[in-house]
Amino acid sequence: MLNPLDNYFEQKDEPIKGCLQYLRSILLNYANVTEHWKHGMPFYYYKGKMFCYLWIHKKFLQPYIGLVDGAKIENEDLLQEKRARMKILLINPLADLPKTKIESILNQAFALRN
């Protein structure tokens, strides 16, 4: 039987499944990032503190990275919507995944924590 984290990714249909797994692998390749099952979703901690999470946008039906301190990052690709503290980076699973953009935004978020 799969743990809740692995089950979350396995139950998704392609191409969302592949996109989420790719985002997961990017996050887990960073030093000091750990994966946890919190609030019914995959959360990623950096140095023991909540950093980001992966989810699917209800309106756009696209995967996204939700950045806990995203409100402190100025980037035209991040959406705040009605969130006070967080911003999200929507990822189109049908297009080439923007690895450089994702890593740039993650690096900005990591810099806020250091």
PDB file of N, CA and C in Angstrom:
ATOM      1  N   MET A   1       0.847  -1.188   0.000  1.00  0.00           N
ATOM      2  CA  MET A   1       0.000   0.000   0.000  1.00  0.00           C
ATOM      3  C   MET A   1       0.889   1.248   0.000  1.00  0.00           C
ATOM      4  N   LEU A   2       0.506   2.219  -0.818  1.00  0.00           N
ATOM      5  CA  LEU A   2       1.286   3.443  -0.935  1.00  0.00           C
ATOM      6  C   LEU A   2       1.026   4.382   0.236  1.00  0.00           C
ATOM      7  N   ASN A   3       2.040   5.168   0.586  1.00  0.00           N
ATOM      8  CA  ASN A   3       1.821   6.187   1.605  1.00  0.00           C
ATOM      9  C   ASN A   3       1.006   7.328   0.986  1.00  0.00           C
ATOM     10  N   PRO A   4       0.438   8.227   1.786  1.00  0.00           N
ATOM     11  CA  PRO A   4      -0.426   9.283   1.250  1.00  0.00           C
ATOM     12  C   PRO A   4       0.261  10.170   0.211  1.00  0.00           C
ATOM     13  N   LEU A   5       1.543  10.441   0.377  1.00  0.00           N
ATOM     14  CA  LEU A   5       2.259  11.266  -0.597  1.00  0.00           C
ATOM     15  C   LEU A   5       2.330  10.589  -1.958  1.00  0.00           C
ATOM     16  N   ASP A   6       2.804   9.359  -1.974  1.00  0.00           N
ATOM     17  CA  ASP A   6       2.921   8.645  -3.246  1.00  0.00           C
ATOM     18  C   ASP A   6       1.548   8.424  -3.869  1.00  0.00           C
ATOM     19  N   ASN A   7       0.559   8.141  -3.048  1.00  0.00           N
ATOM     20  CA  ASN A   7      -0.798   7.932  -3.537  1.00  0.00           C
ATOM     21  C   ASN A   7      -1.351   9.193  -4.204  1.00  0.00           C
ATOM     22  N   TYR A   8      -1.047  10.366  -3.622  1.00  0.00           N
ATOM     23  CA  TYR A   8      -1.504  11.636  -4.203  1.00  0.00           C
ATOM     24  C   TYR A   8      -1.031  11.755  -5.659  1.00  0.00           C
ATOM     25  N   PHE A   9       0.234  11.473  -5.884  1.00  0.00           N
ATOM     26  CA  PHE A   9       0.786  11.603  -7.235  1.00  0.00           C
ATOM     27  C   PHE A   9       0.281  10.497  -8.158  1.00  0.00           C
ATOM     28  N   GLU A  10       0.172   9.289  -7.654  1.00  0.00           N
ATOM     29  CA  GLU A  10      -0.249   8.157  -8.481  1.00  0.00           C
ATOM     30  C   GLU A  10      -1.705   8.248  -8.945  1.00  0.00           C
ATOM     31  N   GLN A  11      -2.562   8.888  -8.164  1.00  0.00           N
ATOM     32  CA  GLN A  11      -3.979   8.926  -8.522  1.00  0.00           C
ATOM     33  C   GLN A  11      -4.303   9.938  -9.619  1.00  0.00           C
ATOM     34  N   LYS A  12      -3.367  10.803  -9.958  1.00  0.00           N
ATOM     35  CA  LYS A  12      -3.601  11.823 -10.984  1.00  0.00           C
ATOM     36  C   LYS A  12      -3.481  11.211 -12.372  1.00  0.00           C
ATOM     37  N   ASP A  13      -4.199  11.811 -13.309  1.00  0.00           N
ATOM     38  CA  ASP A  13      -4.121  11.394 -14.707  1.00  0.00           C
ATOM     39  C   ASP A  13      -3.048  12.205 -15.427  1.00  0.00           C
ATOM     40  N   GLU A  14      -2.501  11.613 -16.479  1.00  0.00           N
ATOM     41  CA  GLU A  14      -1.555  12.347 -17.320  1.00  0.00           C
ATOM     42  C   GLU A  14      -2.321  13.421 -18.084  1.00  0.00           C
ATOM     43  N   PRO A  15      -1.742  14.557 -18.392  1.00  0.00           N
ATOM     44  CA  PRO A  15      -0.352  14.942 -18.187  1.00  0.00           C
ATOM     45  C   PRO A  15      -0.089  15.598 -16.821  1.00  0.00           C
ATOM     46  N   ILE A  16      -1.140  15.774 -16.011  1.00  0.00           N
ATOM     47  CA  ILE A  16      -0.966  16.415 -14.702  1.00  0.00           C
ATOM     48  C   ILE A  16      -0.064  15.579 -13.807  1.00  0.00           C
ATOM     49  N   LYS A  17      -0.216  14.280 -13.857  1.00  0.00           N
ATOM     50  CA  LYS A  17       0.597  13.381 -13.029  1.00  0.00           C
ATOM     51  C   LYS A  17       2.086  13.594 -13.307  1.00  0.00           C
ATOM     52  N   GLY A  18       2.472  13.565 -14.556  1.00  0.00           N
ATOM     53  CA  GLY A  18       3.868  13.748 -14.928  1.00  0.00           C
ATOM     54  C   GLY A  18       4.401  15.114 -14.537  1.00  0.00           C
ATOM     55  N   CYS A  19       3.560  16.122 -14.687  1.00  0.00           N
ATOM     56  CA  CYS A  19       3.948  17.485 -14.328  1.00  0.00           C
ATOM     57  C   CYS A  19       4.204  17.587 -12.826  1.00  0.00           C
ATOM     58  N   LEU A  20       3.289  17.066 -12.030  1.00  0.00           N
ATOM     59  CA  LEU A  20       3.456  17.102 -10.576  1.00  0.00           C
ATOM     60  C   LEU A  20       4.683  16.306 -10.136  1.00  0.00           C
ATOM     61  N   GLN A  21       4.918  15.163 -10.755  1.00  0.00           N
ATOM     62  CA  GLN A  21       6.089  14.364 -10.397  1.00  0.00           C
ATOM     63  C   GLN A  21       7.383  15.093 -10.758  1.00  0.00           C
ATOM     64  N   TYR A  22       7.365  15.824 -11.864  1.00  0.00           N
ATOM     65  CA  TYR A  22       8.535  16.608 -12.256  1.00  0.00           C
ATOM     66  C   TYR A  22       8.792  17.726 -11.248  1.00  0.00           C
ATOM     67  N   LEU A  23       7.734  18.424 -10.845  1.00  0.00           N
ATOM     68  CA  LEU A  23       7.878  19.493  -9.852  1.00  0.00           C
ATOM     69  C   LEU A  23       8.395  18.918  -8.528  1.00  0.00           C
ATOM     70  N   ARG A  24       7.879  17.771  -8.173  1.00  0.00           N
ATOM     71  CA  ARG A  24       8.326  17.088  -6.950  1.00  0.00           C
ATOM     72  C   ARG A  24       9.819  16.799  -7.016  1.00  0.00           C
ATOM     73  N   SER A  25      10.270  16.294  -8.159  1.00  0.00           N
ATOM     74  CA  SER A  25      11.691  15.963  -8.287  1.00  0.00           C
ATOM     75  C   SER A  25      12.570  17.205  -8.229  1.00  0.00           C
ATOM     76  N   ILE A  26      12.116  18.312  -8.811  1.00  0.00           N
ATOM     77  CA  ILE A  26      12.878  19.564  -8.728  1.00  0.00           C
ATOM     78  C   ILE A  26      13.034  19.972  -7.269  1.00  0.00           C
ATOM     79  N   LEU A  27      11.928  19.968  -6.535  1.00  0.00           N
ATOM     80  CA  LEU A  27      11.967  20.394  -5.136  1.00  0.00           C
ATOM     81  C   LEU A  27      12.854  19.499  -4.282  1.00  0.00           C
ATOM     82  N   LEU A  28      12.766  18.199  -4.495  1.00  0.00           N
ATOM     83  CA  LEU A  28      13.526  17.269  -3.660  1.00  0.00           C
ATOM     84  C   LEU A  28      15.013  17.241  -3.997  1.00  0.00           C
ATOM     85  N   ASN A  29      15.397  17.843  -5.113  1.00  0.00           N
ATOM     86  CA  ASN A  29      16.821  17.926  -5.458  1.00  0.00           C
ATOM     87  C   ASN A  29      17.534  19.058  -4.736  1.00  0.00           C
ATOM     88  N   TYR A  30      16.796  19.949  -4.087  1.00  0.00           N
ATOM     89  CA  TYR A  30      17.421  21.027  -3.320  1.00  0.00           C
ATOM     90  C   TYR A  30      17.856  20.501  -1.955  1.00  0.00           C
ATOM     91  N   ALA A  31      18.982  20.993  -1.498  1.00  0.00           N
ATOM     92  CA  ALA A  31      19.464  20.634  -0.164  1.00  0.00           C
ATOM     93  C   ALA A  31      18.521  21.218   0.884  1.00  0.00           C
ATOM     94  N   ASN A  32      18.348  20.513   1.964  1.00  0.00           N
ATOM     95  CA  ASN A  32      17.534  20.951   3.108  1.00  0.00           C
ATOM     96  C   ASN A  32      16.039  21.031   2.816  1.00  0.00           C
ATOM     97  N   VAL A  33      15.577  20.416   1.732  1.00  0.00           N
ATOM     98  CA  VAL A  33      14.141  20.369   1.432  1.00  0.00           C
ATOM     99  C   VAL A  33      13.638  18.973   1.763  1.00  0.00           C
ATOM    100  N   THR A  34      12.559  18.926   2.546  1.00  0.00           N
ATOM    101  CA  THR A  34      11.938  17.653   2.897  1.00  0.00           C
ATOM    102  C   THR A  34      10.467  17.686   2.529  1.00  0.00           C
ATOM    103  N   GLU A  35       9.926  16.518   2.262  1.00  0.00           N
ATOM    104  CA  GLU A  35       8.544  16.387   1.817  1.00  0.00           C
ATOM    105  C   GLU A  35       7.697  15.832   2.957  1.00  0.00           C
ATOM    106  N   HIS A  36       6.519  16.429   3.151  1.00  0.00           N
ATOM    107  CA  HIS A  36       5.603  16.007   4.221  1.00  0.00           C
ATOM    108  C   HIS A  36       4.166  16.013   3.698  1.00  0.00           C
ATOM    109  N   TRP A  37       3.319  15.233   4.324  1.00  0.00           N
ATOM    110  CA  TRP A  37       1.888  15.214   4.013  1.00  0.00           C
ATOM    111  C   TRP A  37       1.193  16.085   5.055  1.00  0.00           C
ATOM    112  N   LYS A  38       0.780  17.304   4.669  1.00  0.00           N
ATOM    113  CA  LYS A  38       0.121  18.245   5.577  1.00  0.00           C
ATOM    114  C   LYS A  38      -1.129  18.791   4.910  1.00  0.00           C
ATOM    115  N   HIS A  39      -2.182  18.953   5.675  1.00  0.00           N
ATOM    116  CA  HIS A  39      -3.426  19.548   5.173  1.00  0.00           C
ATOM    117  C   HIS A  39      -3.941  18.820   3.925  1.00  0.00           C
ATOM    118  N   GLY A  40      -3.670  17.529   3.828  1.00  0.00           N
ATOM    119  CA  GLY A  40      -4.157  16.740   2.704  1.00  0.00           C
ATOM    120  C   GLY A  40      -3.449  17.000   1.393  1.00  0.00           C
ATOM    121  N   MET A  41      -2.220  17.499   1.457  1.00  0.00           N
ATOM    122  CA  MET A  41      -1.464  17.782   0.237  1.00  0.00           C
ATOM    123  C   MET A  41       0.032  17.656   0.496  1.00  0.00           C
ATOM    124  N   PRO A  42       0.808  17.529  -0.584  1.00  0.00           N
ATOM    125  CA  PRO A  42       2.261  17.462  -0.404  1.00  0.00           C
ATOM    126  C   PRO A  42       2.836  18.838  -0.084  1.00  0.00           C
ATOM    127  N   PHE A  43       3.483  18.941   1.063  1.00  0.00           N
ATOM    128  CA  PHE A  43       4.132  20.183   1.500  1.00  0.00           C
ATOM    129  C   PHE A  43       5.631  19.958   1.505  1.00  0.00           C
ATOM    130  N   TYR A  44       6.346  21.003   1.209  1.00  0.00           N
ATOM    131  CA  TYR A  44       7.801  20.940   1.179  1.00  0.00           C
ATOM    132  C   TYR A  44       8.339  21.947   2.185  1.00  0.00           C
ATOM    133  N   TYR A  45       9.208  21.427   3.044  1.00  0.00           N
ATOM    134  CA  TYR A  45       9.799  22.237   4.100  1.00  0.00           C
ATOM    135  C   TYR A  45      11.243  22.538   3.722  1.00  0.00           C
ATOM    136  N   TYR A  46      11.669  23.731   4.056  1.00  0.00           N
ATOM    137  CA  TYR A  46      13.064  24.119   3.859  1.00  0.00           C
ATOM    138  C   TYR A  46      13.642  24.458   5.225  1.00  0.00           C
ATOM    139  N   LYS A  47      14.677  23.726   5.599  1.00  0.00           N
ATOM    140  CA  LYS A  47      15.310  23.878   6.905  1.00  0.00           C
ATOM    141  C   LYS A  47      14.283  23.792   8.039  1.00  0.00           C
ATOM    142  N   GLY A  48      13.325  22.864   7.891  1.00  0.00           N
ATOM    143  CA  GLY A  48      12.350  22.601   8.942  1.00  0.00           C
ATOM    144  C   GLY A  48      11.149  23.528   8.975  1.00  0.00           C
ATOM    145  N   LYS A  49      11.041  24.476   8.035  1.00  0.00           N
ATOM    146  CA  LYS A  49       9.898  25.399   8.014  1.00  0.00           C
ATOM    147  C   LYS A  49       9.137  25.255   6.702  1.00  0.00           C
ATOM    148  N   MET A  50       7.813  25.424   6.777  1.00  0.00           N
ATOM    149  CA  MET A  50       6.986  25.307   5.577  1.00  0.00           C
ATOM    150  C   MET A  50       7.494  26.268   4.503  1.00  0.00           C
ATOM    151  N   PHE A  51       7.670  25.730   3.295  1.00  0.00           N
ATOM    152  CA  PHE A  51       8.233  26.498   2.197  1.00  0.00           C
ATOM    153  C   PHE A  51       7.256  26.613   1.027  1.00  0.00           C
ATOM    154  N   CYS A  52       6.741  25.460   0.566  1.00  0.00           N
ATOM    155  CA  CYS A  52       5.800  25.475  -0.561  1.00  0.00           C
ATOM    156  C   CYS A  52       4.987  24.185  -0.563  1.00  0.00           C
ATOM    157  N   TYR A  53       4.032  24.122  -1.490  1.00  0.00           N
ATOM    158  CA  TYR A  53       3.211  22.921  -1.644  1.00  0.00           C
ATOM    159  C   TYR A  53       2.835  22.773  -3.104  1.00  0.00           C
ATOM    160  N   LEU A  54       2.384  21.584  -3.466  1.00  0.00           N
ATOM    161  CA  LEU A  54       1.912  21.311  -4.830  1.00  0.00           C
ATOM    162  C   LEU A  54       0.415  21.045  -4.787  1.00  0.00           C
ATOM    163  N   TRP A  55      -0.292  21.616  -5.749  1.00  0.00           N
ATOM    164  CA  TRP A  55      -1.739  21.433  -5.799  1.00  0.00           C
ATOM    165  C   TRP A  55      -2.220  21.674  -7.215  1.00  0.00           C
ATOM    166  N   ILE A  56      -3.520  21.485  -7.446  1.00  0.00           N
ATOM    167  CA  ILE A  56      -4.126  21.730  -8.756  1.00  0.00           C
ATOM    168  C   ILE A  56      -5.164  22.835  -8.598  1.00  0.00           C
ATOM    169  N   HIS A  57      -5.059  23.845  -9.446  1.00  0.00           N
ATOM    170  CA  HIS A  57      -5.965  24.995  -9.394  1.00  0.00           C
ATOM    171  C   HIS A  57      -7.364  24.552  -9.794  1.00  0.00           C
ATOM    172  N   LYS A  58      -8.340  24.884  -8.974  1.00  0.00           N
ATOM    173  CA  LYS A  58      -9.718  24.453  -9.231  1.00  0.00           C
ATOM    174  C   LYS A  58     -10.311  25.083 -10.486  1.00  0.00           C
ATOM    175  N   LYS A  59     -10.001  26.325 -10.748  1.00  0.00           N
ATOM    176  CA  LYS A  59     -10.565  27.035 -11.902  1.00  0.00           C
ATOM    177  C   LYS A  59      -9.819  26.699 -13.201  1.00  0.00           C
ATOM    178  N   PHE A  60      -8.498  26.753 -13.167  1.00  0.00           N
ATOM    179  CA  PHE A  60      -7.695  26.556 -14.371  1.00  0.00           C
ATOM    180  C   PHE A  60      -7.332  25.096 -14.625  1.00  0.00           C
ATOM    181  N   LEU A  61      -7.555  24.223 -13.618  1.00  0.00           N
ATOM    182  CA  LEU A  61      -7.253  22.792 -13.714  1.00  0.00           C
ATOM    183  C   LEU A  61      -5.798  22.544 -14.122  1.00  0.00           C
ATOM    184  N   GLN A  62      -4.901  23.376 -13.570  1.00  0.00           N
ATOM    185  CA  GLN A  62      -3.478  23.237 -13.824  1.00  0.00           C
ATOM    186  C   GLN A  62      -2.745  23.043 -12.505  1.00  0.00           C
ATOM    187  N   PRO A  63      -1.678  22.261 -12.527  1.00  0.00           N
ATOM    188  CA  PRO A  63      -0.865  22.121 -11.316  1.00  0.00           C
ATOM    189  C   PRO A  63      -0.186  23.454 -10.996  1.00  0.00           C
ATOM    190  N   TYR A  64       0.131  23.628  -9.726  1.00  0.00           N
ATOM    191  CA  TYR A  64       0.880  24.821  -9.351  1.00  0.00           C
ATOM    192  C   TYR A  64       1.732  24.569  -8.126  1.00  0.00           C
ATOM    193  N   ILE A  65       2.726  25.448  -7.988  1.00  0.00           N
ATOM    194  CA  ILE A  65       3.547  25.487  -6.782  1.00  0.00           C
ATOM    195  C   ILE A  65       3.021  26.660  -5.972  1.00  0.00           C
ATOM    196  N   GLY A  66       2.599  26.394  -4.751  1.00  0.00           N
ATOM    197  CA  GLY A  66       2.170  27.453  -3.846  1.00  0.00           C
ATOM    198  C   GLY A  66       3.321  27.819  -2.927  1.00  0.00           C
ATOM    199  N   LEU A  67       3.775  29.056  -3.009  1.00  0.00           N
ATOM    200  CA  LEU A  67       4.917  29.509  -2.208  1.00  0.00           C
ATOM    201  C   LEU A  67       4.413  30.181  -0.942  1.00  0.00           C
ATOM    202  N   VAL A  68       4.832  29.674   0.207  1.00  0.00           N
ATOM    203  CA  VAL A  68       4.345  30.160   1.491  1.00  0.00           C
ATOM    204  C   VAL A  68       4.610  31.659   1.658  1.00  0.00           C
ATOM    205  N   ASP A  69       5.803  32.113   1.341  1.00  0.00           N
ATOM    206  CA  ASP A  69       6.122  33.544   1.452  1.00  0.00           C
ATOM    207  C   ASP A  69       6.111  34.227   0.089  1.00  0.00           C
ATOM    208  N   GLY A  70       5.279  33.746  -0.799  1.00  0.00           N
ATOM    209  CA  GLY A  70       5.216  34.276  -2.157  1.00  0.00           C
ATOM    210  C   GLY A  70       4.862  35.747  -2.244  1.00  0.00           C
ATOM    211  N   ALA A  71       4.126  36.268  -1.261  1.00  0.00           N
ATOM    212  CA  ALA A  71       3.733  37.686  -1.288  1.00  0.00           C
ATOM    213  C   ALA A  71       4.951  38.602  -1.227  1.00  0.00           C
ATOM    214  N   LYS A  72       6.070  38.073  -0.782  1.00  0.00           N
ATOM    215  CA  LYS A  72       7.292  38.873  -0.687  1.00  0.00           C
ATOM    216  C   LYS A  72       8.105  38.849  -1.981  1.00  0.00           C
ATOM    217  N   ILE A  73       7.655  38.086  -2.976  1.00  0.00           N
ATOM    218  CA  ILE A  73       8.379  37.958  -4.241  1.00  0.00           C
ATOM    219  C   ILE A  73       7.631  38.718  -5.326  1.00  0.00           C
ATOM    220  N   GLU A  74       8.351  39.587  -6.007  1.00  0.00           N
ATOM    221  CA  GLU A  74       7.780  40.313  -7.136  1.00  0.00           C
ATOM    222  C   GLU A  74       8.164  39.578  -8.416  1.00  0.00           C
ATOM    223  N   ASN A  75       7.167  38.978  -9.058  1.00  0.00           N
ATOM    224  CA  ASN A  75       7.387  38.268 -10.307  1.00  0.00           C
ATOM    225  C   ASN A  75       6.057  38.213 -11.035  1.00  0.00           C
ATOM    226  N   GLU A  76       6.061  38.609 -12.287  1.00  0.00           N
ATOM    227  CA  GLU A  76       4.813  38.675 -13.057  1.00  0.00           C
ATOM    228  C   GLU A  76       4.168  37.310 -13.276  1.00  0.00           C
ATOM    229  N   ASP A  77       4.925  36.243 -13.121  1.00  0.00           N
ATOM    230  CA  ASP A  77       4.375  34.899 -13.312  1.00  0.00           C
ATOM    231  C   ASP A  77       3.668  34.350 -12.075  1.00  0.00           C
ATOM    232  N   LEU A  78       3.812  35.018 -10.949  1.00  0.00           N
ATOM    233  CA  LEU A  78       3.164  34.564  -9.712  1.00  0.00           C
ATOM    234  C   LEU A  78       1.799  35.215  -9.553  1.00  0.00           C
ATOM    235  N   LEU A  79       0.821  34.425  -9.148  1.00  0.00           N
ATOM    236  CA  LEU A  79      -0.544  34.917  -8.905  1.00  0.00           C
ATOM    237  C   LEU A  79      -0.822  34.927  -7.409  1.00  0.00           C
ATOM    238  N   GLN A  80      -1.394  36.024  -6.939  1.00  0.00           N
ATOM    239  CA  GLN A  80      -1.739  36.088  -5.522  1.00  0.00           C
ATOM    240  C   GLN A  80      -3.195  35.725  -5.299  1.00  0.00           C
ATOM    241  N   GLU A  81      -4.063  36.107  -6.232  1.00  0.00           N
ATOM    242  CA  GLU A  81      -5.493  35.897  -6.119  1.00  0.00           C
ATOM    243  C   GLU A  81      -5.970  36.436  -4.765  1.00  0.00           C
ATOM    244  N   LYS A  82      -6.696  35.640  -3.986  1.00  0.00           N
ATOM    245  CA  LYS A  82      -7.224  36.141  -2.704  1.00  0.00           C
ATOM    246  C   LYS A  82      -6.372  35.685  -1.517  1.00  0.00           C
ATOM    247  N   ARG A  83      -5.160  35.303  -1.793  1.00  0.00           N
ATOM    248  CA  ARG A  83      -4.272  34.841  -0.724  1.00  0.00           C
ATOM    249  C   ARG A  83      -3.548  36.036  -0.110  1.00  0.00           C
ATOM    250  N   ALA A  84      -3.389  36.035   1.194  1.00  0.00           N
ATOM    251  CA  ALA A  84      -2.698  37.140   1.871  1.00  0.00           C
ATOM    252  C   ALA A  84      -1.189  36.939   1.844  1.00  0.00           C
ATOM    253  N   ARG A  85      -0.744  35.743   2.147  1.00  0.00           N
ATOM    254  CA  ARG A  85       0.682  35.479   2.309  1.00  0.00           C
ATOM    255  C   ARG A  85       1.301  34.737   1.125  1.00  0.00           C
ATOM    256  N   MET A  86       0.530  33.911   0.485  1.00  0.00           N
ATOM    257  CA  MET A  86       1.053  33.023  -0.549  1.00  0.00           C
ATOM    258  C   MET A  86       0.795  33.552  -1.946  1.00  0.00           C
ATOM    259  N   LYS A  87       1.650  33.110  -2.865  1.00  0.00           N
ATOM    260  CA  LYS A  87       1.439  33.293  -4.296  1.00  0.00           C
ATOM    261  C   LYS A  87       1.669  31.936  -4.937  1.00  0.00           C
ATOM    262  N   ILE A  88       1.097  31.777  -6.136  1.00  0.00           N
ATOM    263  CA  ILE A  88       1.235  30.499  -6.828  1.00  0.00           C
ATOM    264  C   ILE A  88       1.862  30.695  -8.199  1.00  0.00           C
ATOM    265  N   LEU A  89       2.528  29.644  -8.654  1.00  0.00           N
ATOM    266  CA  LEU A  89       3.079  29.598  -9.998  1.00  0.00           C
ATOM    267  C   LEU A  89       2.350  28.481 -10.734  1.00  0.00           C
ATOM    268  N   LEU A  90       1.441  28.881 -11.645  1.00  0.00           N
ATOM    269  CA  LEU A  90       0.712  27.905 -12.448  1.00  0.00           C
ATOM    270  C   LEU A  90       1.650  27.279 -13.473  1.00  0.00           C
ATOM    271  N   ILE A  91       1.482  25.983 -13.703  1.00  0.00           N
ATOM    272  CA  ILE A  91       2.288  25.263 -14.679  1.00  0.00           C
ATOM    273  C   ILE A  91       1.349  24.599 -15.682  1.00  0.00           C
ATOM    274  N   ASN A  92       1.533  24.918 -16.955  1.00  0.00           N
ATOM    275  CA  ASN A  92       0.723  24.303 -18.000  1.00  0.00           C
ATOM    276  C   ASN A  92       1.297  22.923 -18.309  1.00  0.00           C
ATOM    277  N   PRO A  93       0.566  21.856 -17.981  1.00  0.00           N
ATOM    278  CA  PRO A  93       1.115  20.513 -18.176  1.00  0.00           C
ATOM    279  C   PRO A  93       1.175  20.093 -19.652  1.00  0.00           C
ATOM    280  N   LEU A  94       0.545  20.871 -20.531  1.00  0.00           N
ATOM    281  CA  LEU A  94       0.542  20.537 -21.954  1.00  0.00           C
ATOM    282  C   LEU A  94       1.687  21.201 -22.709  1.00  0.00           C
ATOM    283  N   ALA A  95       2.395  22.113 -22.052  1.00  0.00           N
ATOM    284  CA  ALA A  95       3.509  22.825 -22.681  1.00  0.00           C
ATOM    285  C   ALA A  95       4.828  22.314 -22.103  1.00  0.00           C
ATOM    286  N   ASP A  96       5.917  22.709 -22.747  1.00  0.00           N
ATOM    287  CA  ASP A  96       7.231  22.397 -22.184  1.00  0.00           C
ATOM    288  C   ASP A  96       7.325  23.040 -20.816  1.00  0.00           C
ATOM    289  N   LEU A  97       7.772  22.294 -19.831  1.00  0.00           N
ATOM    290  CA  LEU A  97       7.839  22.822 -18.470  1.00  0.00           C
ATOM    291  C   LEU A  97       8.993  23.814 -18.356  1.00  0.00           C
ATOM    292  N   PRO A  98       8.709  24.992 -17.816  1.00  0.00           N
ATOM    293  CA  PRO A  98       9.709  26.075 -17.751  1.00  0.00           C
ATOM    294  C   PRO A  98      10.684  25.914 -16.581  1.00  0.00           C
ATOM    295  N   LYS A  99      11.632  24.971 -16.722  1.00  0.00           N
ATOM    296  CA  LYS A  99      12.541  24.654 -15.625  1.00  0.00           C
ATOM    297  C   LYS A  99      13.308  25.880 -15.147  1.00  0.00           C
ATOM    298  N   THR A 100      13.800  26.697 -16.078  1.00  0.00           N
ATOM    299  CA  THR A 100      14.581  27.873 -15.702  1.00  0.00           C
ATOM    300  C   THR A 100      13.734  28.849 -14.891  1.00  0.00           C
ATOM    301  N   LYS A 101      12.497  29.069 -15.315  1.00  0.00           N
ATOM    302  CA  LYS A 101      11.594  29.978 -14.598  1.00  0.00           C
ATOM    303  C   LYS A 101      11.277  29.431 -13.208  1.00  0.00           C
ATOM    304  N   ILE A 102      10.986  28.145 -13.137  1.00  0.00           N
ATOM    305  CA  ILE A 102      10.665  27.516 -11.848  1.00  0.00           C
ATOM    306  C   ILE A 102      11.843  27.655 -10.889  1.00  0.00           C
ATOM    307  N   GLU A 103      13.031  27.320 -11.361  1.00  0.00           N
ATOM    308  CA  GLU A 103      14.214  27.382 -10.500  1.00  0.00           C
ATOM    309  C   GLU A 103      14.542  28.811 -10.092  1.00  0.00           C
ATOM    310  N   SER A 104      14.325  29.765 -10.985  1.00  0.00           N
ATOM    311  CA  SER A 104      14.577  31.170 -10.655  1.00  0.00           C
ATOM    312  C   SER A 104      13.660  31.633  -9.520  1.00  0.00           C
ATOM    313  N   ILE A 105      12.385  31.303  -9.621  1.00  0.00           N
ATOM    314  CA  ILE A 105      11.422  31.698  -8.587  1.00  0.00           C
ATOM    315  C   ILE A 105      11.711  30.976  -7.275  1.00  0.00           C
ATOM    316  N   LEU A 106      12.032  29.684  -7.353  1.00  0.00           N
ATOM    317  CA  LEU A 106      12.380  28.943  -6.139  1.00  0.00           C
ATOM    318  C   LEU A 106      13.627  29.540  -5.478  1.00  0.00           C
ATOM    319  N   ASN A 107      14.606  29.915  -6.279  1.00  0.00           N
ATOM    320  CA  ASN A 107      15.817  30.514  -5.719  1.00  0.00           C
ATOM    321  C   ASN A 107      15.518  31.843  -5.024  1.00  0.00           C
ATOM    322  N   GLN A 108      14.592  32.627  -5.570  1.00  0.00           N
ATOM    323  CA  GLN A 108      14.168  33.859  -4.897  1.00  0.00           C
ATOM    324  C   GLN A 108      13.518  33.541  -3.552  1.00  0.00           C
ATOM    325  N   ALA A 109      12.689  32.510  -3.551  1.00  0.00           N
ATOM    326  CA  ALA A 109      12.006  32.112  -2.312  1.00  0.00           C
ATOM    327  C   ALA A 109      13.004  31.571  -1.277  1.00  0.00           C
ATOM    328  N   PHE A 110      13.988  30.800  -1.728  1.00  0.00           N
ATOM    329  CA  PHE A 110      15.017  30.310  -0.817  1.00  0.00           C
ATOM    330  C   PHE A 110      15.816  31.481  -0.227  1.00  0.00           C
ATOM    331  N   ALA A 111      16.099  32.480  -1.052  1.00  0.00           N
ATOM    332  CA  ALA A 111      16.875  33.640  -0.593  1.00  0.00           C
ATOM    333  C   ALA A 111      16.157  34.370   0.539  1.00  0.00           C
ATOM    334  N   LEU A 112      14.830  34.386   0.509  1.00  0.00           N
ATOM    335  CA  LEU A 112      14.065  35.026   1.601  1.00  0.00           C
ATOM    336  C   LEU A 112      14.257  34.294   2.916  1.00  0.00           C
ATOM    337  N   ARG A 113      14.522  32.996   2.845  1.00  0.00           N
ATOM    338  CA  ARG A 113      14.660  32.183   4.055  1.00  0.00           C
ATOM    339  C   ARG A 113      16.075  32.172   4.623  1.00  0.00           C
ATOM    340  N   ASN A 114      17.033  32.647   3.829  1.00  0.00           N
ATOM    341  CA  ASN A 114      18.436  32.611   4.282  1.00  0.00           C
ATOM    342  C   ASN A 114      18.848  33.918   4.909  1.00  0.00           C
TER     343      ASN A 114
END
